[in-house]
N, C-alpha and C. Protein backbone atom coordinates (compact mmCIF):
# COMPACT_ATOMS: atom_id res chain seq x y z
N MET A 1 96.28 163.43 69.78
CA MET A 1 97.52 164.04 69.35
C MET A 1 98.70 163.12 69.65
N ASN A 2 99.85 163.45 69.08
CA ASN A 2 101.07 162.70 69.32
C ASN A 2 101.98 163.47 70.27
N LEU A 3 103.01 162.81 70.74
CA LEU A 3 103.98 163.43 71.63
C LEU A 3 105.31 163.52 70.89
N PHE A 4 105.74 164.73 70.59
CA PHE A 4 106.98 164.94 69.84
C PHE A 4 108.09 165.29 70.82
N ILE A 5 109.11 164.45 70.87
CA ILE A 5 110.26 164.68 71.74
C ILE A 5 111.26 165.53 70.97
N THR A 6 111.37 166.79 71.37
CA THR A 6 112.27 167.70 70.67
C THR A 6 113.34 168.20 71.61
N GLY A 7 114.53 168.37 71.09
CA GLY A 7 115.64 168.80 71.93
C GLY A 7 115.97 170.26 71.74
N THR A 8 116.70 170.81 72.70
CA THR A 8 117.21 172.16 72.55
C THR A 8 118.44 172.17 71.66
N ASP A 9 119.00 170.98 71.39
CA ASP A 9 120.23 170.88 70.63
C ASP A 9 120.46 169.40 70.29
N THR A 10 121.52 169.13 69.55
CA THR A 10 121.93 167.76 69.32
C THR A 10 122.47 167.16 70.63
N ASP A 11 122.23 165.88 70.82
CA ASP A 11 122.68 165.18 72.04
C ASP A 11 122.11 165.79 73.32
N SER A 12 120.87 166.22 73.24
CA SER A 12 120.23 166.80 74.43
C SER A 12 119.66 165.73 75.35
N GLY A 13 119.51 164.50 74.84
CA GLY A 13 118.94 163.42 75.65
C GLY A 13 117.58 162.96 75.16
N LYS A 14 117.22 163.29 73.92
CA LYS A 14 115.90 162.93 73.39
C LYS A 14 115.65 161.43 73.41
N THR A 15 116.65 160.65 72.98
CA THR A 15 116.45 159.20 72.91
C THR A 15 116.37 158.59 74.30
N THR A 16 117.14 159.12 75.23
CA THR A 16 117.06 158.66 76.62
C THR A 16 115.67 158.91 77.18
N VAL A 17 115.14 160.09 76.94
CA VAL A 17 113.80 160.42 77.43
C VAL A 17 112.74 159.57 76.72
N SER A 18 112.90 159.37 75.42
CA SER A 18 111.97 158.50 74.69
C SER A 18 111.98 157.09 75.26
N SER A 19 113.18 156.57 75.55
CA SER A 19 113.30 155.22 76.11
C SER A 19 112.66 155.14 77.48
N TRP A 20 112.84 156.17 78.28
CA TRP A 20 112.25 156.22 79.62
C TRP A 20 110.73 156.16 79.54
N ILE A 21 110.16 156.98 78.68
CA ILE A 21 108.69 156.99 78.56
C ILE A 21 108.19 155.65 78.02
N CYS A 22 108.85 155.14 76.97
CA CYS A 22 108.41 153.87 76.38
C CYS A 22 108.55 152.71 77.35
N SER A 23 109.47 152.79 78.30
CA SER A 23 109.63 151.72 79.27
C SER A 23 108.48 151.68 80.27
N HIS A 24 107.71 152.76 80.33
CA HIS A 24 106.57 152.83 81.26
C HIS A 24 105.21 152.72 80.55
N VAL A 25 105.19 153.06 79.26
CA VAL A 25 103.92 153.09 78.54
C VAL A 25 104.04 152.23 77.28
N LYS A 26 103.09 151.35 77.06
CA LYS A 26 103.09 150.57 75.83
C LYS A 26 102.57 151.45 74.71
N THR A 27 103.47 151.81 73.82
CA THR A 27 103.12 152.77 72.78
C THR A 27 103.94 152.50 71.53
N LYS A 28 103.81 153.36 70.54
CA LYS A 28 104.60 153.29 69.33
C LYS A 28 105.65 154.40 69.35
N TYR A 29 106.80 154.09 68.76
CA TYR A 29 107.89 155.06 68.70
C TYR A 29 108.30 155.24 67.25
N TRP A 30 108.52 156.51 66.88
CA TRP A 30 108.87 156.81 65.50
C TRP A 30 109.96 157.87 65.45
N LYS A 31 111.12 157.48 64.99
CA LYS A 31 112.20 158.42 64.70
C LYS A 31 112.04 158.79 63.24
N ILE A 32 111.62 160.01 62.96
CA ILE A 32 111.24 160.33 61.58
C ILE A 32 112.44 160.35 60.64
N ILE A 33 113.58 160.87 61.13
CA ILE A 33 114.80 160.90 60.33
C ILE A 33 115.97 160.49 61.21
N GLN A 34 116.81 159.60 60.72
CA GLN A 34 118.02 159.20 61.44
C GLN A 34 119.22 159.58 60.59
N THR A 35 120.14 160.31 61.19
CA THR A 35 121.39 160.62 60.51
C THR A 35 122.56 160.04 61.31
N GLY A 36 123.64 159.73 60.62
CA GLY A 36 124.80 159.14 61.29
C GLY A 36 124.67 157.64 61.44
N ASP A 37 125.63 157.04 62.13
CA ASP A 37 125.69 155.58 62.28
C ASP A 37 124.81 155.04 63.40
N ASP A 38 124.36 155.90 64.30
CA ASP A 38 123.56 155.44 65.43
C ASP A 38 122.17 155.01 64.98
N SER A 39 121.51 154.25 65.85
CA SER A 39 120.11 153.89 65.61
C SER A 39 119.34 154.17 66.90
N ASP A 40 118.65 155.29 66.93
CA ASP A 40 117.86 155.62 68.11
C ASP A 40 116.72 154.64 68.31
N SER A 41 116.20 154.11 67.21
CA SER A 41 115.13 153.11 67.30
C SER A 41 115.62 151.87 68.04
N ASN A 42 116.84 151.42 67.73
CA ASN A 42 117.39 150.25 68.41
C ASN A 42 117.61 150.52 69.89
N THR A 43 118.02 151.74 70.22
CA THR A 43 118.21 152.10 71.64
C THR A 43 116.89 152.02 72.40
N VAL A 44 115.84 152.59 71.81
CA VAL A 44 114.53 152.54 72.46
C VAL A 44 114.07 151.10 72.61
N LYS A 45 114.26 150.30 71.57
CA LYS A 45 113.83 148.89 71.61
C LYS A 45 114.60 148.12 72.69
N TYR A 46 115.85 148.48 72.91
CA TYR A 46 116.65 147.81 73.94
C TYR A 46 116.08 148.09 75.33
N PHE A 47 115.79 149.35 75.60
CA PHE A 47 115.31 149.72 76.93
C PHE A 47 113.82 149.44 77.12
N ALA A 48 113.07 149.40 76.02
CA ALA A 48 111.62 149.19 76.10
C ALA A 48 111.21 148.18 75.02
N PRO A 49 111.49 146.90 75.24
CA PRO A 49 111.28 145.88 74.20
C PRO A 49 109.84 145.71 73.75
N ASN A 50 108.87 146.15 74.54
CA ASN A 50 107.48 146.03 74.15
C ASN A 50 107.00 147.15 73.24
N THR A 51 107.88 148.09 72.96
CA THR A 51 107.52 149.22 72.12
C THR A 51 107.46 148.81 70.66
N GLU A 52 106.41 149.22 69.98
CA GLU A 52 106.31 149.00 68.54
C GLU A 52 107.08 150.10 67.82
N ILE A 53 108.05 149.73 67.02
CA ILE A 53 108.90 150.70 66.32
C ILE A 53 108.36 150.95 64.92
N ILE A 54 108.08 152.20 64.61
CA ILE A 54 107.73 152.59 63.26
C ILE A 54 109.03 152.95 62.54
N PRO A 55 109.32 152.32 61.40
CA PRO A 55 110.61 152.56 60.72
C PRO A 55 110.80 154.03 60.34
N GLU A 56 112.04 154.47 60.36
CA GLU A 56 112.37 155.82 59.97
C GLU A 56 111.98 156.04 58.51
N ILE A 57 111.53 157.25 58.20
CA ILE A 57 111.23 157.57 56.81
C ILE A 57 112.53 157.67 56.00
N TYR A 58 113.54 158.30 56.64
CA TYR A 58 114.83 158.44 55.98
C TYR A 58 115.95 158.08 56.96
N LYS A 59 116.92 157.29 56.46
CA LYS A 59 118.14 156.97 57.21
C LYS A 59 119.31 157.46 56.37
N LEU A 60 120.00 158.46 56.90
CA LEU A 60 121.10 159.09 56.17
C LEU A 60 122.41 158.84 56.90
N LYS A 61 123.46 158.58 56.16
CA LYS A 61 124.71 158.13 56.77
C LYS A 61 125.53 159.23 57.45
N ALA A 62 125.52 160.41 56.89
CA ALA A 62 126.37 161.48 57.42
C ALA A 62 125.81 162.02 58.73
N PRO A 63 126.65 162.25 59.74
CA PRO A 63 126.18 162.78 61.03
C PRO A 63 126.00 164.30 60.96
N LEU A 64 125.07 164.71 60.09
CA LEU A 64 124.81 166.12 59.83
C LEU A 64 123.31 166.39 59.95
N SER A 65 122.91 167.62 59.71
CA SER A 65 121.49 167.89 59.62
C SER A 65 120.91 167.07 58.48
N ALA A 66 119.63 166.80 58.57
CA ALA A 66 118.98 166.04 57.50
C ALA A 66 119.15 166.74 56.16
N TYR A 67 119.10 168.04 56.17
CA TYR A 67 119.26 168.83 54.94
C TYR A 67 120.62 168.57 54.30
N ASP A 68 121.68 168.71 55.08
CA ASP A 68 123.03 168.56 54.54
C ASP A 68 123.35 167.11 54.20
N ALA A 69 122.89 166.19 55.06
CA ALA A 69 123.14 164.77 54.78
C ALA A 69 122.44 164.33 53.50
N SER A 70 121.23 164.82 53.28
CA SER A 70 120.49 164.43 52.07
C SER A 70 121.16 164.98 50.82
N LYS A 71 121.76 166.17 50.92
CA LYS A 71 122.47 166.74 49.77
C LYS A 71 123.68 165.87 49.41
N LEU A 72 124.40 165.41 50.43
CA LEU A 72 125.58 164.58 50.19
C LEU A 72 125.22 163.26 49.51
N GLU A 73 124.02 162.74 49.86
CA GLU A 73 123.62 161.42 49.36
C GLU A 73 122.66 161.51 48.18
N ASN A 74 122.45 162.75 47.69
CA ASN A 74 121.53 162.96 46.56
C ASN A 74 120.16 162.36 46.84
N THR A 75 119.71 162.55 48.07
CA THR A 75 118.39 162.06 48.48
C THR A 75 117.41 163.23 48.52
N ILE A 76 116.30 163.07 47.87
CA ILE A 76 115.25 164.10 47.90
C ILE A 76 114.27 163.74 49.02
N ILE A 77 114.16 164.61 50.00
CA ILE A 77 113.27 164.36 51.14
C ILE A 77 111.87 164.88 50.81
N ASN A 78 110.91 163.99 50.89
CA ASN A 78 109.51 164.34 50.67
C ASN A 78 108.85 164.51 52.03
N THR A 79 108.62 165.74 52.42
CA THR A 79 108.09 166.00 53.77
C THR A 79 106.64 165.57 53.92
N ASN A 80 105.95 165.31 52.82
CA ASN A 80 104.58 164.80 52.92
C ASN A 80 104.56 163.44 53.60
N LYS A 81 105.69 162.73 53.56
CA LYS A 81 105.76 161.42 54.20
C LYS A 81 105.75 161.51 55.72
N PHE A 82 105.94 162.71 56.26
CA PHE A 82 105.90 162.88 57.71
C PHE A 82 104.48 163.00 58.24
N ASN A 83 103.53 163.21 57.34
CA ASN A 83 102.13 163.30 57.76
C ASN A 83 101.68 161.92 58.24
N ILE A 84 100.97 161.89 59.33
CA ILE A 84 100.56 160.61 59.90
C ILE A 84 99.14 160.74 60.44
N SER A 85 98.33 159.72 60.17
CA SER A 85 96.93 159.76 60.59
C SER A 85 96.74 159.20 62.00
N GLU A 86 97.75 158.46 62.48
CA GLU A 86 97.64 157.88 63.83
C GLU A 86 97.89 158.94 64.89
N ASP A 87 97.51 158.59 66.11
CA ASP A 87 97.86 159.46 67.23
C ASP A 87 98.35 158.62 68.41
N LYS A 88 98.74 159.32 69.47
CA LYS A 88 99.28 158.70 70.68
C LYS A 88 100.61 157.98 70.40
N ILE A 89 101.38 158.54 69.49
CA ILE A 89 102.69 158.00 69.13
C ILE A 89 103.78 158.91 69.70
N ILE A 90 104.87 158.32 70.14
CA ILE A 90 106.05 159.09 70.50
C ILE A 90 106.89 159.29 69.25
N ILE A 91 107.06 160.55 68.88
CA ILE A 91 107.84 160.90 67.70
C ILE A 91 109.09 161.62 68.17
N GLU A 92 110.24 161.18 67.70
CA GLU A 92 111.49 161.83 68.08
C GLU A 92 112.09 162.57 66.90
N GLY A 93 112.43 163.83 67.13
CA GLY A 93 113.07 164.62 66.10
C GLY A 93 114.56 164.34 66.02
N ALA A 94 115.23 165.13 65.19
CA ALA A 94 116.68 165.02 65.04
C ALA A 94 117.28 166.40 65.26
N GLY A 95 118.02 166.55 66.36
CA GLY A 95 118.56 167.86 66.69
C GLY A 95 117.49 168.77 67.27
N GLY A 96 117.71 170.07 67.16
CA GLY A 96 116.78 171.06 67.70
C GLY A 96 115.70 171.43 66.70
N ILE A 97 114.86 172.38 67.10
CA ILE A 97 113.66 172.68 66.31
C ILE A 97 113.94 173.42 65.01
N PHE A 98 115.10 174.07 64.91
CA PHE A 98 115.41 174.79 63.69
C PHE A 98 116.40 174.06 62.78
N VAL A 99 116.57 172.77 63.01
CA VAL A 99 117.39 171.97 62.12
C VAL A 99 116.68 171.89 60.76
N PRO A 100 117.38 172.25 59.68
CA PRO A 100 116.72 172.23 58.37
C PRO A 100 116.58 170.82 57.81
N ILE A 101 115.46 170.58 57.15
CA ILE A 101 115.18 169.29 56.52
C ILE A 101 115.18 169.44 55.00
N THR A 102 114.47 170.45 54.51
CA THR A 102 114.52 170.79 53.08
C THR A 102 114.70 172.30 52.96
N ASP A 103 114.63 172.80 51.74
CA ASP A 103 114.83 174.23 51.52
C ASP A 103 113.83 175.09 52.28
N ASN A 104 112.64 174.56 52.51
CA ASN A 104 111.60 175.37 53.15
C ASN A 104 110.87 174.60 54.26
N TYR A 105 111.60 173.69 54.92
CA TYR A 105 110.97 172.86 55.95
C TYR A 105 111.98 172.59 57.05
N LEU A 106 111.61 172.97 58.27
CA LEU A 106 112.46 172.79 59.44
C LEU A 106 111.85 171.75 60.37
N MET A 107 112.61 171.32 61.37
CA MET A 107 112.10 170.33 62.31
C MET A 107 110.83 170.83 63.02
N ILE A 108 110.76 172.13 63.28
CA ILE A 108 109.57 172.67 63.94
C ILE A 108 108.32 172.48 63.07
N ASP A 109 108.50 172.47 61.75
CA ASP A 109 107.37 172.22 60.86
C ASP A 109 106.89 170.78 60.97
N ALA A 110 107.83 169.87 61.22
CA ALA A 110 107.45 168.46 61.41
C ALA A 110 106.61 168.30 62.68
N ILE A 111 106.97 169.06 63.72
CA ILE A 111 106.17 169.01 64.95
C ILE A 111 104.74 169.46 64.67
N LYS A 112 104.64 170.56 63.96
CA LYS A 112 103.33 171.13 63.64
C LYS A 112 102.50 170.17 62.77
N ASN A 113 103.15 169.57 61.79
CA ASN A 113 102.43 168.79 60.79
C ASN A 113 102.14 167.35 61.21
N THR A 114 102.70 166.92 62.33
CA THR A 114 102.38 165.58 62.83
C THR A 114 101.32 165.63 63.94
N ASN A 115 100.67 166.79 64.06
CA ASN A 115 99.61 166.95 65.07
C ASN A 115 100.11 166.54 66.46
N SER A 116 101.21 167.18 66.86
CA SER A 116 101.89 166.78 68.09
C SER A 116 101.89 167.89 69.14
N LYS A 117 101.96 167.43 70.37
CA LYS A 117 102.35 168.31 71.47
C LYS A 117 103.85 168.10 71.70
N ALA A 118 104.53 169.16 72.09
CA ALA A 118 105.98 169.09 72.22
C ALA A 118 106.40 168.85 73.67
N LEU A 119 107.36 167.95 73.83
CA LEU A 119 108.06 167.77 75.09
C LEU A 119 109.50 168.18 74.84
N ILE A 120 109.96 169.22 75.54
CA ILE A 120 111.29 169.77 75.32
C ILE A 120 112.29 169.05 76.22
N VAL A 121 113.38 168.60 75.62
CA VAL A 121 114.44 167.94 76.37
C VAL A 121 115.71 168.77 76.28
N SER A 122 116.33 169.00 77.43
CA SER A 122 117.58 169.76 77.47
C SER A 122 118.59 169.03 78.34
N ARG A 123 119.82 168.98 77.86
CA ARG A 123 120.89 168.46 78.70
C ARG A 123 121.30 169.54 79.69
N SER A 124 121.62 169.12 80.89
CA SER A 124 122.05 170.05 81.93
C SER A 124 123.48 170.50 81.64
N LYS A 125 123.62 171.73 81.17
CA LYS A 125 124.95 172.26 80.85
C LYS A 125 124.85 173.78 80.79
N LEU A 126 125.99 174.43 80.78
CA LEU A 126 126.02 175.88 80.70
C LEU A 126 125.34 176.33 79.41
N GLY A 127 124.44 177.28 79.51
CA GLY A 127 123.70 177.76 78.35
C GLY A 127 122.33 177.16 78.21
N MET A 128 121.98 176.21 79.08
CA MET A 128 120.71 175.51 78.92
C MET A 128 119.51 176.43 79.07
N ILE A 129 119.59 177.42 79.95
CA ILE A 129 118.45 178.31 80.15
C ILE A 129 118.13 179.04 78.86
N ASN A 130 119.15 179.60 78.23
CA ASN A 130 118.97 180.30 76.97
C ASN A 130 118.38 179.38 75.90
N HIS A 131 118.92 178.17 75.78
CA HIS A 131 118.45 177.23 74.77
C HIS A 131 117.00 176.82 75.01
N ILE A 132 116.65 176.62 76.27
CA ILE A 132 115.27 176.25 76.59
C ILE A 132 114.31 177.38 76.26
N LEU A 133 114.67 178.60 76.66
CA LEU A 133 113.77 179.73 76.42
C LEU A 133 113.59 179.99 74.93
N LEU A 134 114.66 179.90 74.15
CA LEU A 134 114.54 180.07 72.71
C LEU A 134 113.59 179.03 72.11
N THR A 135 113.72 177.79 72.58
CA THR A 135 112.87 176.71 72.07
C THR A 135 111.41 176.95 72.45
N VAL A 136 111.17 177.31 73.70
CA VAL A 136 109.80 177.58 74.17
C VAL A 136 109.16 178.70 73.36
N PHE A 137 109.87 179.81 73.22
CA PHE A 137 109.28 180.96 72.53
C PHE A 137 109.02 180.66 71.06
N ALA A 138 109.89 179.90 70.42
CA ALA A 138 109.69 179.55 69.01
C ALA A 138 108.48 178.63 68.83
N LEU A 139 108.33 177.66 69.72
CA LEU A 139 107.18 176.77 69.64
C LEU A 139 105.87 177.53 69.86
N ARG A 140 105.88 178.44 70.79
CA ARG A 140 104.67 179.23 71.05
C ARG A 140 104.34 180.13 69.86
N ALA A 141 105.37 180.64 69.20
CA ALA A 141 105.13 181.48 68.02
C ALA A 141 104.43 180.70 66.92
N LYS A 142 104.67 179.41 66.87
CA LYS A 142 104.02 178.52 65.89
C LYS A 142 102.72 177.93 66.44
N GLU A 143 102.37 178.32 67.64
CA GLU A 143 101.14 177.83 68.30
C GLU A 143 101.16 176.31 68.48
N ILE A 144 102.34 175.79 68.80
CA ILE A 144 102.49 174.37 69.10
C ILE A 144 102.38 174.19 70.61
N PRO A 145 101.45 173.37 71.09
CA PRO A 145 101.31 173.18 72.53
C PRO A 145 102.52 172.48 73.14
N ILE A 146 102.95 172.97 74.29
CA ILE A 146 104.10 172.41 75.01
C ILE A 146 103.59 171.79 76.30
N ILE A 147 103.90 170.52 76.51
CA ILE A 147 103.41 169.90 77.75
C ILE A 147 104.40 170.05 78.89
N GLY A 148 105.66 170.34 78.58
CA GLY A 148 106.63 170.51 79.66
C GLY A 148 108.06 170.33 79.18
N ILE A 149 108.94 170.31 80.17
CA ILE A 149 110.38 170.20 79.92
C ILE A 149 110.92 169.03 80.74
N VAL A 150 111.84 168.28 80.15
CA VAL A 150 112.58 167.25 80.88
C VAL A 150 114.06 167.60 80.77
N ILE A 151 114.74 167.57 81.90
CA ILE A 151 116.17 167.87 81.92
C ILE A 151 116.94 166.57 82.06
N SER A 152 117.88 166.37 81.16
CA SER A 152 118.73 165.18 81.18
C SER A 152 120.05 165.54 81.85
N GLY A 153 120.23 165.03 83.06
CA GLY A 153 121.42 165.38 83.85
C GLY A 153 121.03 166.06 85.15
N ASN A 154 121.99 166.23 86.00
CA ASN A 154 121.73 166.84 87.31
C ASN A 154 121.59 168.35 87.17
N VAL A 155 120.68 168.92 87.95
CA VAL A 155 120.47 170.36 87.91
C VAL A 155 120.05 170.85 89.30
N GLU A 156 120.56 172.00 89.70
CA GLU A 156 120.22 172.57 90.99
C GLU A 156 118.78 173.08 90.99
N ASN A 157 118.15 173.04 92.15
CA ASN A 157 116.74 173.43 92.25
C ASN A 157 116.52 174.89 91.86
N ASN A 158 117.49 175.77 92.19
CA ASN A 158 117.30 177.17 91.83
C ASN A 158 117.32 177.38 90.31
N ILE A 159 118.11 176.57 89.59
CA ILE A 159 118.12 176.65 88.13
C ILE A 159 116.79 176.16 87.57
N LYS A 160 116.27 175.10 88.14
CA LYS A 160 114.95 174.60 87.73
C LYS A 160 113.89 175.68 87.91
N GLN A 161 113.93 176.37 89.03
CA GLN A 161 112.95 177.43 89.29
C GLN A 161 113.10 178.58 88.31
N THR A 162 114.34 178.90 87.96
CA THR A 162 114.58 179.97 86.99
C THR A 162 114.00 179.61 85.63
N ILE A 163 114.21 178.37 85.22
CA ILE A 163 113.67 177.91 83.94
C ILE A 163 112.15 178.02 83.92
N GLU A 164 111.52 177.56 84.98
CA GLU A 164 110.06 177.59 85.04
C GLU A 164 109.53 179.02 85.09
N LEU A 165 110.24 179.90 85.78
CA LEU A 165 109.79 181.29 85.91
C LEU A 165 109.78 181.99 84.55
N PHE A 166 110.86 181.87 83.82
CA PHE A 166 110.98 182.63 82.58
C PHE A 166 110.34 181.93 81.38
N SER A 167 110.24 180.62 81.43
CA SER A 167 109.62 179.90 80.31
C SER A 167 108.11 179.76 80.50
N LYS A 168 107.65 179.97 81.72
CA LYS A 168 106.24 179.72 82.05
C LYS A 168 105.84 178.29 81.67
N THR A 169 106.79 177.39 81.86
CA THR A 169 106.59 175.98 81.50
C THR A 169 107.14 175.12 82.63
N LYS A 170 106.44 174.06 82.95
CA LYS A 170 106.83 173.21 84.07
C LYS A 170 107.95 172.24 83.68
N VAL A 171 108.94 172.11 84.56
CA VAL A 171 109.93 171.05 84.42
C VAL A 171 109.29 169.78 84.99
N LEU A 172 108.95 168.86 84.12
CA LEU A 172 108.18 167.68 84.52
C LEU A 172 109.04 166.62 85.19
N ALA A 173 110.31 166.54 84.79
CA ALA A 173 111.18 165.50 85.34
C ALA A 173 112.64 165.88 85.12
N ILE A 174 113.47 165.33 85.98
CA ILE A 174 114.91 165.43 85.83
C ILE A 174 115.46 164.01 85.84
N LEU A 175 116.11 163.63 84.75
CA LEU A 175 116.72 162.30 84.67
C LEU A 175 118.20 162.47 84.96
N PRO A 176 118.65 162.12 86.16
CA PRO A 176 120.04 162.36 86.53
C PRO A 176 121.01 161.49 85.75
N GLU A 177 122.26 161.93 85.70
CA GLU A 177 123.29 161.13 85.06
C GLU A 177 123.40 159.79 85.79
N SER A 178 123.56 158.71 85.02
CA SER A 178 123.54 157.38 85.63
C SER A 178 124.29 156.40 84.76
N ASN A 179 124.94 155.44 85.41
CA ASN A 179 125.56 154.34 84.69
C ASN A 179 124.61 153.16 84.54
N ASN A 180 123.42 153.29 85.12
CA ASN A 180 122.42 152.23 85.05
C ASN A 180 121.07 152.86 84.70
N LEU A 181 120.86 153.07 83.41
CA LEU A 181 119.65 153.75 82.98
C LEU A 181 118.39 152.94 83.27
N ILE A 182 118.48 151.63 83.21
CA ILE A 182 117.30 150.81 83.50
C ILE A 182 116.82 151.06 84.93
N GLU A 183 117.75 151.10 85.86
CA GLU A 183 117.39 151.39 87.25
C GLU A 183 116.82 152.80 87.38
N THR A 184 117.44 153.75 86.68
CA THR A 184 116.94 155.13 86.71
C THR A 184 115.52 155.20 86.17
N PHE A 185 115.28 154.55 85.04
CA PHE A 185 113.95 154.56 84.45
C PHE A 185 112.92 153.95 85.41
N ASN A 186 113.29 152.87 86.07
CA ASN A 186 112.37 152.20 86.97
C ASN A 186 112.03 153.06 88.20
N ASN A 187 112.98 153.91 88.58
CA ASN A 187 112.80 154.70 89.80
C ASN A 187 112.11 156.03 89.58
N ILE A 188 111.98 156.46 88.35
CA ILE A 188 111.36 157.76 88.08
C ILE A 188 110.07 157.56 87.32
N LYS A 189 108.99 157.96 87.93
CA LYS A 189 107.66 157.80 87.35
C LYS A 189 107.44 158.81 86.23
N VAL A 190 106.76 158.37 85.18
CA VAL A 190 106.41 159.29 84.09
C VAL A 190 105.26 160.18 84.55
N PRO A 191 105.42 161.49 84.46
CA PRO A 191 104.39 162.42 84.96
C PRO A 191 103.05 162.28 84.22
N GLN A 192 102.01 162.66 84.91
CA GLN A 192 100.66 162.54 84.37
C GLN A 192 100.49 163.34 83.08
N GLU A 193 101.16 164.49 83.00
CA GLU A 193 101.03 165.33 81.81
C GLU A 193 101.47 164.59 80.55
N ILE A 194 102.48 163.74 80.68
CA ILE A 194 102.93 162.94 79.54
C ILE A 194 101.99 161.77 79.30
N MET A 195 101.57 161.13 80.36
CA MET A 195 100.69 159.96 80.23
C MET A 195 99.37 160.33 79.54
N GLU A 196 98.87 161.52 79.82
CA GLU A 196 97.58 161.92 79.26
C GLU A 196 97.62 162.03 77.73
N VAL A 197 98.78 162.34 77.17
CA VAL A 197 98.89 162.43 75.72
C VAL A 197 98.86 161.05 75.08
N LEU A 198 99.38 160.05 75.78
CA LEU A 198 99.61 158.73 75.19
C LEU A 198 98.52 157.71 75.52
N LEU A 199 97.72 157.97 76.52
CA LEU A 199 96.72 156.98 76.93
C LEU A 199 95.33 157.36 76.48
């Protein structure tokens, strides 16, 4: 199976978490859709130069959902292109699980159709518990296996315990805020639950 890095929201820290994992494991990284001027693939390559980058299927200029950006650019998204025969790949989504891609295809469908296990990433901020629980329950409703949660930013231990209690899902790692991500990545080991999907 593959490892799909999905966020509770936009700017949840998906690319940071992808870079952290890729810096520890020699693997392939695939950003299926890129919107806006940023390049998450370039970010991952910067922090993990040994990572093999699979080119994005679609690169859209507007910093919007893939659905809305494709409408602006008159681009027809063919979701069959998201099907992949390989496994042990890190796949990064765009936004949260209910971000629309086409009229009848959401990001959660991409997780399901790429034969992936989900790793949920949430930024530490007010409302994170609600966002995490909604994401967990939606993934379970689709019978998508969840390997755990990674929190991007500092979080109190009691909040971590609350998340684990109500989500019935383990918080595998906390990546604290840092001005030196390379040092942070080097100091935090990738948990076995993640390694088992990729090795």
